[in-house]
Amino acid sequence: MRCLAYLIWQRVGSFNPAIGIPNGGLRLAWALNS
């Protein structure tokens, strides 16, 4: 998740807090916001 969040952040750049869809999406949102 941390690696995926890093790759997304590299591609998209900064953004407002991510909001995840349960179940796995919540973990991805946490990783993106961290």
PDB file of all heavy atoms in Angstrom:
ATOM      1  N   MET A   1       0.841  -1.216   0.000  1.00  0.00           N
ATOM      2  CA  MET A   1       0.000   0.000   0.000  1.00  0.00           C
ATOM      3  C   MET A   1       0.864   1.249   0.000  1.00  0.00           C
ATOM      4  O   MET A   1       0.585   2.203  -0.725  1.00  0.00           O
ATOM      5  CB  MET A   1      -0.925   0.024   1.219  1.00  0.00           C
ATOM      6  CG  MET A   1      -2.052  -0.930   1.126  1.00  0.00           C
ATOM      7  SD  MET A   1      -3.180  -0.414  -0.185  1.00  0.00           S
ATOM      8  CE  MET A   1      -4.542  -1.447   0.197  1.00  0.00           C
ATOM      9  N   ARG A   2       1.921   1.245   0.824  1.00  0.00           N
ATOM     10  CA  ARG A   2       2.810   2.416   0.860  1.00  0.00           C
ATOM     11  C   ARG A   2       3.473   2.630  -0.495  1.00  0.00           C
ATOM     12  O   ARG A   2       3.594   3.756  -0.965  1.00  0.00           O
ATOM     13  CB  ARG A   2       3.846   2.257   1.967  1.00  0.00           C
ATOM     14  CG  ARG A   2       3.282   2.489   3.353  1.00  0.00           C
ATOM     15  CD  ARG A   2       4.367   2.574   4.417  1.00  0.00           C
ATOM     16  NE  ARG A   2       5.041   1.302   4.620  1.00  0.00           N
ATOM     17  CZ  ARG A   2       4.612   0.348   5.421  1.00  0.00           C
ATOM     18  NH1 ARG A   2       3.500   0.517   6.113  1.00  0.00           N
ATOM     19  NH2 ARG A   2       5.290  -0.763   5.559  1.00  0.00           N
ATOM     20  N   CYS A   3       3.882   1.537  -1.138  1.00  0.00           N
ATOM     21  CA  CYS A   3       4.510   1.638  -2.457  1.00  0.00           C
ATOM     22  C   CYS A   3       3.503   2.147  -3.492  1.00  0.00           C
ATOM     23  O   CYS A   3       3.815   3.039  -4.282  1.00  0.00           O
ATOM     24  CB  CYS A   3       5.070   0.283  -2.875  1.00  0.00           C
ATOM     25  SG  CYS A   3       5.899   0.321  -4.474  1.00  0.00           S
ATOM     26  N   LEU A   4       2.294   1.605  -3.484  1.00  0.00           N
ATOM     27  CA  LEU A   4       1.256   2.040  -4.415  1.00  0.00           C
ATOM     28  C   LEU A   4       0.919   3.517  -4.199  1.00  0.00           C
ATOM     29  O   LEU A   4       0.793   4.286  -5.153  1.00  0.00           O
ATOM     30  CB  LEU A   4       0.016   1.166  -4.252  1.00  0.00           C
ATOM     31  CG  LEU A   4      -1.111   1.348  -5.251  1.00  0.00           C
ATOM     32  CD1 LEU A   4      -0.625   1.159  -6.680  1.00  0.00           C
ATOM     33  CD2 LEU A   4      -2.229   0.369  -4.942  1.00  0.00           C
ATOM     34  N   ALA A   5       0.815   3.930  -2.936  1.00  0.00           N
ATOM     35  CA  ALA A   5       0.535   5.336  -2.624  1.00  0.00           C
ATOM     36  C   ALA A   5       1.655   6.236  -3.148  1.00  0.00           C
ATOM     37  O   ALA A   5       1.403   7.303  -3.711  1.00  0.00           O
ATOM     38  CB  ALA A   5       0.358   5.527  -1.124  1.00  0.00           C
ATOM     39  N   TYR A   6       2.889   5.793  -2.974  1.00  0.00           N
ATOM     40  CA  TYR A   6       4.030   6.556  -3.476  1.00  0.00           C
ATOM     41  C   TYR A   6       3.957   6.702  -4.995  1.00  0.00           C
ATOM     42  O   TYR A   6       4.156   7.795  -5.526  1.00  0.00           O
ATOM     43  CB  TYR A   6       5.338   5.876  -3.065  1.00  0.00           C
ATOM     44  CG  TYR A   6       6.552   6.529  -3.667  1.00  0.00           C
ATOM     45  CD1 TYR A   6       7.069   7.698  -3.128  1.00  0.00           C
ATOM     46  CD2 TYR A   6       7.178   5.993  -4.787  1.00  0.00           C
ATOM     47  CE1 TYR A   6       8.171   8.316  -3.684  1.00  0.00           C
ATOM     48  CE2 TYR A   6       8.282   6.595  -5.359  1.00  0.00           C
ATOM     49  CZ  TYR A   6       8.777   7.755  -4.798  1.00  0.00           C
ATOM     50  OH  TYR A   6       9.862   8.367  -5.357  1.00  0.00           O
ATOM     51  N   LEU A   7       3.663   5.610  -5.695  1.00  0.00           N
ATOM     52  CA  LEU A   7       3.569   5.658  -7.157  1.00  0.00           C
ATOM     53  C   LEU A   7       2.439   6.585  -7.612  1.00  0.00           C
ATOM     54  O   LEU A   7       2.603   7.347  -8.571  1.00  0.00           O
ATOM     55  CB  LEU A   7       3.369   4.252  -7.722  1.00  0.00           C
ATOM     56  CG  LEU A   7       4.549   3.296  -7.535  1.00  0.00           C
ATOM     57  CD1 LEU A   7       4.156   1.885  -7.922  1.00  0.00           C
ATOM     58  CD2 LEU A   7       5.762   3.766  -8.310  1.00  0.00           C
ATOM     59  N   ILE A   8       1.299   6.526  -6.921  1.00  0.00           N
ATOM     60  CA  ILE A   8       0.180   7.414  -7.250  1.00  0.00           C
ATOM     61  C   ILE A   8       0.568   8.858  -6.991  1.00  0.00           C
ATOM     62  O   ILE A   8       0.317   9.747  -7.816  1.00  0.00           O
ATOM     63  CB  ILE A   8      -1.079   7.019  -6.460  1.00  0.00           C
ATOM     64  CG1 ILE A   8      -1.599   5.660  -6.940  1.00  0.00           C
ATOM     65  CG2 ILE A   8      -2.156   8.099  -6.569  1.00  0.00           C
ATOM     66  CD1 ILE A   8      -2.674   5.056  -6.054  1.00  0.00           C
ATOM     67  N   TRP A   9       1.201   9.115  -5.851  1.00  0.00           N
ATOM     68  CA  TRP A   9       1.620  10.479  -5.508  1.00  0.00           C
ATOM     69  C   TRP A   9       2.603  11.016  -6.545  1.00  0.00           C
ATOM     70  O   TRP A   9       2.516  12.179  -6.942  1.00  0.00           O
ATOM     71  CB  TRP A   9       2.242  10.495  -4.113  1.00  0.00           C
ATOM     72  CG  TRP A   9       2.618  11.863  -3.668  1.00  0.00           C
ATOM     73  CD1 TRP A   9       1.803  12.802  -3.116  1.00  0.00           C
ATOM     74  CD2 TRP A   9       3.913  12.451  -3.752  1.00  0.00           C
ATOM     75  NE1 TRP A   9       2.511  13.949  -2.853  1.00  0.00           N
ATOM     76  CE2 TRP A   9       3.814  13.753  -3.234  1.00  0.00           C
ATOM     77  CE3 TRP A   9       5.142  12.015  -4.217  1.00  0.00           C
ATOM     78  CZ2 TRP A   9       4.903  14.611  -3.174  1.00  0.00           C
ATOM     79  CZ3 TRP A   9       6.223  12.876  -4.147  1.00  0.00           C
ATOM     80  CH2 TRP A   9       6.096  14.153  -3.636  1.00  0.00           C
ATOM     81  N   GLN A  10       3.533  10.176  -7.009  1.00  0.00           N
ATOM     82  CA  GLN A  10       4.487  10.592  -8.041  1.00  0.00           C
ATOM     83  C   GLN A  10       3.779  10.963  -9.334  1.00  0.00           C
ATOM     84  O   GLN A  10       4.183  11.876 -10.026  1.00  0.00           O
ATOM     85  CB  GLN A  10       5.498   9.464  -8.321  1.00  0.00           C
ATOM     86  CG  GLN A  10       6.494   9.245  -7.223  1.00  0.00           C
ATOM     87  CD  GLN A  10       7.484  10.390  -7.125  1.00  0.00           C
ATOM     88  OE1 GLN A  10       8.033  10.839  -8.125  1.00  0.00           O
ATOM     89  NE2 GLN A  10       7.702  10.865  -5.924  1.00  0.00           N
ATOM     90  N   ARG A  11       2.731  10.249  -9.659  1.00  0.00           N
ATOM     91  CA  ARG A  11       1.998  10.469 -10.915  1.00  0.00           C
ATOM     92  C   ARG A  11       1.043  11.654 -10.828  1.00  0.00           C
ATOM     93  O   ARG A  11       0.923  12.437 -11.750  1.00  0.00           O
ATOM     94  CB  ARG A  11       1.221   9.193 -11.236  1.00  0.00           C
ATOM     95  CG  ARG A  11       0.442   9.220 -12.477  1.00  0.00           C
ATOM     96  CD  ARG A  11       1.243   8.639 -13.563  1.00  0.00           C
ATOM     97  NE  ARG A  11       0.370   8.383 -14.709  1.00  0.00           N
ATOM     98  CZ  ARG A  11       0.833   8.117 -15.872  1.00  0.00           C
ATOM     99  NH1 ARG A  11       2.118   8.019 -16.044  1.00  0.00           N
ATOM    100  NH2 ARG A  11       0.038   7.929 -16.861  1.00  0.00           N
ATOM    101  N   VAL A  12       0.350  11.784  -9.687  1.00  0.00           N
ATOM    102  CA  VAL A  12      -0.706  12.784  -9.536  1.00  0.00           C
ATOM    103  C   VAL A  12      -0.195  14.061  -8.879  1.00  0.00           C
ATOM    104  O   VAL A  12      -0.658  15.149  -9.197  1.00  0.00           O
ATOM    105  CB  VAL A  12      -1.885  12.192  -8.718  1.00  0.00           C
ATOM    106  CG1 VAL A  12      -2.949  13.228  -8.443  1.00  0.00           C
ATOM    107  CG2 VAL A  12      -2.463  10.986  -9.419  1.00  0.00           C
ATOM    108  N   GLY A  13       0.737  13.942  -7.953  1.00  0.00           N
ATOM    109  CA  GLY A  13       1.209  15.098  -7.211  1.00  0.00           C
ATOM    110  C   GLY A  13       0.349  15.320  -5.986  1.00  0.00           C
ATOM    111  O   GLY A  13      -0.315  14.415  -5.501  1.00  0.00           O
ATOM    112  N   SER A  14       0.329  16.528  -5.494  1.00  0.00           N
ATOM    113  CA  SER A  14      -0.415  16.805  -4.267  1.00  0.00           C
ATOM    114  C   SER A  14      -1.921  16.858  -4.547  1.00  0.00           C
ATOM    115  O   SER A  14      -2.349  17.158  -5.654  1.00  0.00           O
ATOM    116  CB  SER A  14       0.054  18.115  -3.647  1.00  0.00           C
ATOM    117  OG  SER A  14      -0.210  19.183  -4.519  1.00  0.00           O
ATOM    118  N   PHE A  15      -2.690  16.557  -3.516  1.00  0.00           N
ATOM    119  CA  PHE A  15      -4.140  16.566  -3.619  1.00  0.00           C
ATOM    120  C   PHE A  15      -4.712  16.703  -2.220  1.00  0.00           C
ATOM    121  O   PHE A  15      -3.996  16.547  -1.226  1.00  0.00           O
ATOM    122  CB  PHE A  15      -4.669  15.299  -4.301  1.00  0.00           C
ATOM    123  CG  PHE A  15      -4.107  14.035  -3.726  1.00  0.00           C
ATOM    124  CD1 PHE A  15      -4.676  13.432  -2.617  1.00  0.00           C
ATOM    125  CD2 PHE A  15      -2.993  13.453  -4.286  1.00  0.00           C
ATOM    126  CE1 PHE A  15      -4.143  12.284  -2.079  1.00  0.00           C
ATOM    127  CE2 PHE A  15      -2.458  12.297  -3.759  1.00  0.00           C
ATOM    128  CZ  PHE A  15      -3.034  11.712  -2.654  1.00  0.00           C
ATOM    129  N   ASN A  16      -5.992  17.002  -2.136  1.00  0.00           N
ATOM    130  CA  ASN A  16      -6.659  17.062  -0.839  1.00  0.00           C
ATOM    131  C   ASN A  16      -6.724  15.659  -0.258  1.00  0.00           C
ATOM    132  O   ASN A  16      -6.465  14.693  -0.955  1.00  0.00           O
ATOM    133  CB  ASN A  16      -8.068  17.652  -0.994  1.00  0.00           C
ATOM    134  CG  ASN A  16      -8.018  19.141  -1.255  1.00  0.00           C
ATOM    135  OD1 ASN A  16      -7.125  19.829  -0.779  1.00  0.00           O
ATOM    136  ND2 ASN A  16      -8.959  19.636  -2.029  1.00  0.00           N
ATOM    137  N   PRO A  17      -7.101  15.511   0.979  1.00  0.00           N
ATOM    138  CA  PRO A  17      -7.145  14.163   1.561  1.00  0.00           C
ATOM    139  C   PRO A  17      -7.949  13.181   0.704  1.00  0.00           C
ATOM    140  O   PRO A  17      -9.005  13.512   0.172  1.00  0.00           O
ATOM    141  CB  PRO A  17      -7.828  14.373   2.901  1.00  0.00           C
ATOM    142  CG  PRO A  17      -7.528  15.792   3.258  1.00  0.00           C
ATOM    143  CD  PRO A  17      -7.515  16.527   1.935  1.00  0.00           C
ATOM    144  N   ALA A  18      -7.386  11.973   0.566  1.00  0.00           N
ATOM    145  CA  ALA A  18      -8.056  10.900  -0.160  1.00  0.00           C
ATOM    146  C   ALA A  18      -9.128  10.288   0.732  1.00  0.00           C
ATOM    147  O   ALA A  18      -8.958  10.176   1.935  1.00  0.00           O
ATOM    148  CB  ALA A  18      -7.049   9.840  -0.573  1.00  0.00           C
ATOM    149  N   ILE A  19     -10.223   9.899   0.137  1.00  0.00           N
ATOM    150  CA  ILE A  19     -11.312   9.227   0.847  1.00  0.00           C
ATOM    151  C   ILE A  19     -11.466   7.855   0.217  1.00  0.00           C
ATOM    152  O   ILE A  19     -11.657   7.747  -0.994  1.00  0.00           O
ATOM    153  CB  ILE A  19     -12.625  10.021   0.749  1.00  0.00           C
ATOM    154  CG1 ILE A  19     -12.435  11.392   1.379  1.00  0.00           C
ATOM    155  CG2 ILE A  19     -13.770   9.262   1.397  1.00  0.00           C
ATOM    156  CD1 ILE A  19     -13.583  12.341   1.159  1.00  0.00           C
ATOM    157  N   GLY A  20     -11.369   6.819   1.029  1.00  0.00           N
ATOM    158  CA  GLY A  20     -11.402   5.459   0.509  1.00  0.00           C
ATOM    159  C   GLY A  20     -12.778   4.833   0.554  1.00  0.00           C
ATOM    160  O   GLY A  20     -13.634   5.226   1.337  1.00  0.00           O
ATOM    161  N   ILE A  21     -12.972   3.871  -0.298  1.00  0.00           N
ATOM    162  CA  ILE A  21     -14.175   3.046  -0.323  1.00  0.00           C
ATOM    163  C   ILE A  21     -13.831   1.755   0.419  1.00  0.00           C
ATOM    164  O   ILE A  21     -12.812   1.141   0.133  1.00  0.00           O
ATOM    165  CB  ILE A  21     -14.588   2.723  -1.778  1.00  0.00           C
ATOM    166  CG1 ILE A  21     -14.807   3.988  -2.590  1.00  0.00           C
ATOM    167  CG2 ILE A  21     -15.793   1.815  -1.813  1.00  0.00           C
ATOM    168  CD1 ILE A  21     -15.997   4.795  -2.190  1.00  0.00           C
ATOM    169  N   PRO A  22     -14.661   1.315   1.372  1.00  0.00           N
ATOM    170  CA  PRO A  22     -14.343   0.062   2.088  1.00  0.00           C
ATOM    171  C   PRO A  22     -14.224  -1.081   1.083  1.00  0.00           C
ATOM    172  O   PRO A  22     -14.910  -1.074   0.077  1.00  0.00           O
ATOM    173  CB  PRO A  22     -15.546  -0.153   3.005  1.00  0.00           C
ATOM    174  CG  PRO A  22     -16.145   1.213   3.162  1.00  0.00           C
ATOM    175  CD  PRO A  22     -15.884   1.932   1.871  1.00  0.00           C
ATOM    176  N   ASN A  23     -13.391  -1.973   1.291  1.00  0.00           N
ATOM    177  CA  ASN A  23     -12.534  -2.259   2.415  1.00  0.00           C
ATOM    178  C   ASN A  23     -11.101  -1.848   2.108  1.00  0.00           C
ATOM    179  O   ASN A  23     -10.512  -1.071   2.832  1.00  0.00           O
ATOM    180  CB  ASN A  23     -12.562  -3.736   2.789  1.00  0.00           C
ATOM    181  CG  ASN A  23     -13.887  -4.147   3.388  1.00  0.00           C
ATOM    182  OD1 ASN A  23     -14.499  -3.386   4.126  1.00  0.00           O
ATOM    183  ND2 ASN A  23     -14.344  -5.322   3.061  1.00  0.00           N
ATOM    184  N   GLY A  24     -10.520  -2.387   1.065  1.00  0.00           N
ATOM    185  CA  GLY A  24      -9.139  -2.078   0.718  1.00  0.00           C
ATOM    186  C   GLY A  24      -8.912  -0.615   0.394  1.00  0.00           C
ATOM    187  O   GLY A  24      -7.830  -0.088   0.613  1.00  0.00           O
ATOM    188  N   GLY A  25      -9.911   0.044  -0.109  1.00  0.00           N
ATOM    189  CA  GLY A  25      -9.778   1.455  -0.457  1.00  0.00           C
ATOM    190  C   GLY A  25      -9.522   2.343   0.744  1.00  0.00           C
ATOM    191  O   GLY A  25      -8.885   3.382   0.629  1.00  0.00           O
ATOM    192  N   LEU A  26      -9.994   1.943   1.911  1.00  0.00           N
ATOM    193  CA  LEU A  26      -9.725   2.704   3.135  1.00  0.00           C
ATOM    194  C   LEU A  26      -8.239   2.650   3.472  1.00  0.00           C
ATOM    195  O   LEU A  26      -7.651   3.656   3.872  1.00  0.00           O
ATOM    196  CB  LEU A  26     -10.556   2.164   4.299  1.00  0.00           C
ATOM    197  CG  LEU A  26     -12.064   2.333   4.165  1.00  0.00           C
ATOM    198  CD1 LEU A  26     -12.779   1.647   5.325  1.00  0.00           C
ATOM    199  CD2 LEU A  26     -12.432   3.805   4.104  1.00  0.00           C
ATOM    200  N   ARG A  27      -7.643   1.481   3.287  1.00  0.00           N
ATOM    201  CA  ARG A  27      -6.207   1.345   3.544  1.00  0.00           C
ATOM    202  C   ARG A  27      -5.395   2.151   2.545  1.00  0.00           C
ATOM    203  O   ARG A  27      -4.386   2.767   2.908  1.00  0.00           O
ATOM    204  CB  ARG A  27      -5.809  -0.125   3.490  1.00  0.00           C
ATOM    205  CG  ARG A  27      -6.363  -0.925   4.650  1.00  0.00           C
ATOM    206  CD  ARG A  27      -6.032  -2.410   4.554  1.00  0.00           C
ATOM    207  NE  ARG A  27      -4.609  -2.623   4.452  1.00  0.00           N
ATOM    208  CZ  ARG A  27      -4.040  -3.463   3.582  1.00  0.00           C
ATOM    209  NH1 ARG A  27      -4.769  -4.179   2.756  1.00  0.00           N
ATOM    210  NH2 ARG A  27      -2.730  -3.609   3.549  1.00  0.00           N
ATOM    211  N   LEU A  28      -5.830   2.174   1.289  1.00  0.00           N
ATOM    212  CA  LEU A  28      -5.110   2.957   0.282  1.00  0.00           C
ATOM    213  C   LEU A  28      -5.244   4.443   0.597  1.00  0.00           C
ATOM    214  O   LEU A  28      -4.274   5.183   0.491  1.00  0.00           O
ATOM    215  CB  LEU A  28      -5.620   2.650  -1.124  1.00  0.00           C
ATOM    216  CG  LEU A  28      -4.945   3.414  -2.258  1.00  0.00           C
ATOM    217  CD1 LEU A  28      -3.435   3.216  -2.257  1.00  0.00           C
ATOM    218  CD2 LEU A  28      -5.550   3.029  -3.598  1.00  0.00           C
ATOM    219  N   ALA A  29      -6.423   4.897   0.988  1.00  0.00           N
ATOM    220  CA  ALA A  29      -6.618   6.298   1.349  1.00  0.00           C
ATOM    221  C   ALA A  29      -5.700   6.670   2.523  1.00  0.00           C
ATOM    222  O   ALA A  29      -5.085   7.735   2.521  1.00  0.00           O
ATOM    223  CB  ALA A  29      -8.076   6.565   1.706  1.00  0.00           C
ATOM    224  N   TRP A  30      -5.599   5.787   3.523  1.00  0.00           N
ATOM    225  CA  TRP A  30      -4.717   6.048   4.662  1.00  0.00           C
ATOM    226  C   TRP A  30      -3.278   6.192   4.177  1.00  0.00           C
ATOM    227  O   TRP A  30      -2.577   7.117   4.590  1.00  0.00           O
ATOM    228  CB  TRP A  30      -4.845   4.922   5.682  1.00  0.00           C
ATOM    229  CG  TRP A  30      -3.900   5.098   6.823  1.00  0.00           C
ATOM    230  CD1 TRP A  30      -4.101   5.842   7.934  1.00  0.00           C
ATOM    231  CD2 TRP A  30      -2.577   4.565   6.922  1.00  0.00           C
ATOM    232  NE1 TRP A  30      -2.978   5.794   8.729  1.00  0.00           N
ATOM    233  CE2 TRP A  30      -2.036   5.011   8.136  1.00  0.00           C
ATOM    234  CE3 TRP A  30      -1.805   3.745   6.105  1.00  0.00           C
ATOM    235  CZ2 TRP A  30      -0.746   4.676   8.543  1.00  0.00           C
ATOM    236  CZ3 TRP A  30      -0.522   3.409   6.520  1.00  0.00           C
ATOM    237  CH2 TRP A  30      -0.012   3.874   7.728  1.00  0.00           C
ATOM    238  N   ALA A  31      -2.838   5.281   3.305  1.00  0.00           N
ATOM    239  CA  ALA A  31      -1.483   5.333   2.791  1.00  0.00           C
ATOM    240  C   ALA A  31      -1.247   6.597   1.972  1.00  0.00           C
ATOM    241  O   ALA A  31      -0.200   7.235   2.095  1.00  0.00           O
ATOM    242  CB  ALA A  31      -1.173   4.085   1.948  1.00  0.00           C
ATOM    243  N   LEU A  32      -2.226   6.990   1.160  1.00  0.00           N
ATOM    244  CA  LEU A  32      -2.085   8.221   0.365  1.00  0.00           C
ATOM    245  C   LEU A  32      -2.007   9.443   1.257  1.00  0.00           C
ATOM    246  O   LEU A  32      -1.207  10.352   1.017  1.00  0.00           O
ATOM    247  CB  LEU A  32      -3.276   8.362  -0.593  1.00  0.00           C
ATOM    248  CG  LEU A  32      -3.253   7.467  -1.809  1.00  0.00           C
ATOM    249  CD1 LEU A  32      -4.624   7.460  -2.482  1.00  0.00           C
ATOM    250  CD2 LEU A  32      -2.180   7.899  -2.799  1.00  0.00           C
ATOM    251  N   ASN A  33      -2.820   9.483   2.298  1.00  0.00           N
ATOM    252  CA  ASN A  33      -2.820  10.635   3.196  1.00  0.00           C
ATOM    253  C   ASN A  33      -1.595  10.672   4.095  1.00  0.00           C
ATOM    254  O   ASN A  33      -1.273  11.716   4.658  1.00  0.00           O
ATOM    255  CB  ASN A  33      -4.100  10.652   4.026  1.00  0.00           C
ATOM    256  CG  ASN A  33      -5.315  10.917   3.172  1.00  0.00           C
ATOM    257  OD1 ASN A  33      -5.252  11.608   2.165  1.00  0.00           O
ATOM    258  ND2 ASN A  33      -6.433  10.328   3.539  1.00  0.00           N
ATOM    259  N   SER A  34      -0.901   9.545   4.213  1.00  0.00           N
ATOM    260  CA  SER A  34       0.317   9.478   5.028  1.00  0.00           C
ATOM    261  C   SER A  34       1.572   9.736   4.210  1.00  0.00           C
ATOM    262  O   SER A  34       2.653   9.861   4.765  1.00  0.00           O
ATOM    263  CB  SER A  34       0.425   8.096   5.672  1.00  0.00           C
ATOM    264  OG  SER A  34      -0.671   7.880   6.537  1.00  0.00           O
TER     265      SER A  34
END
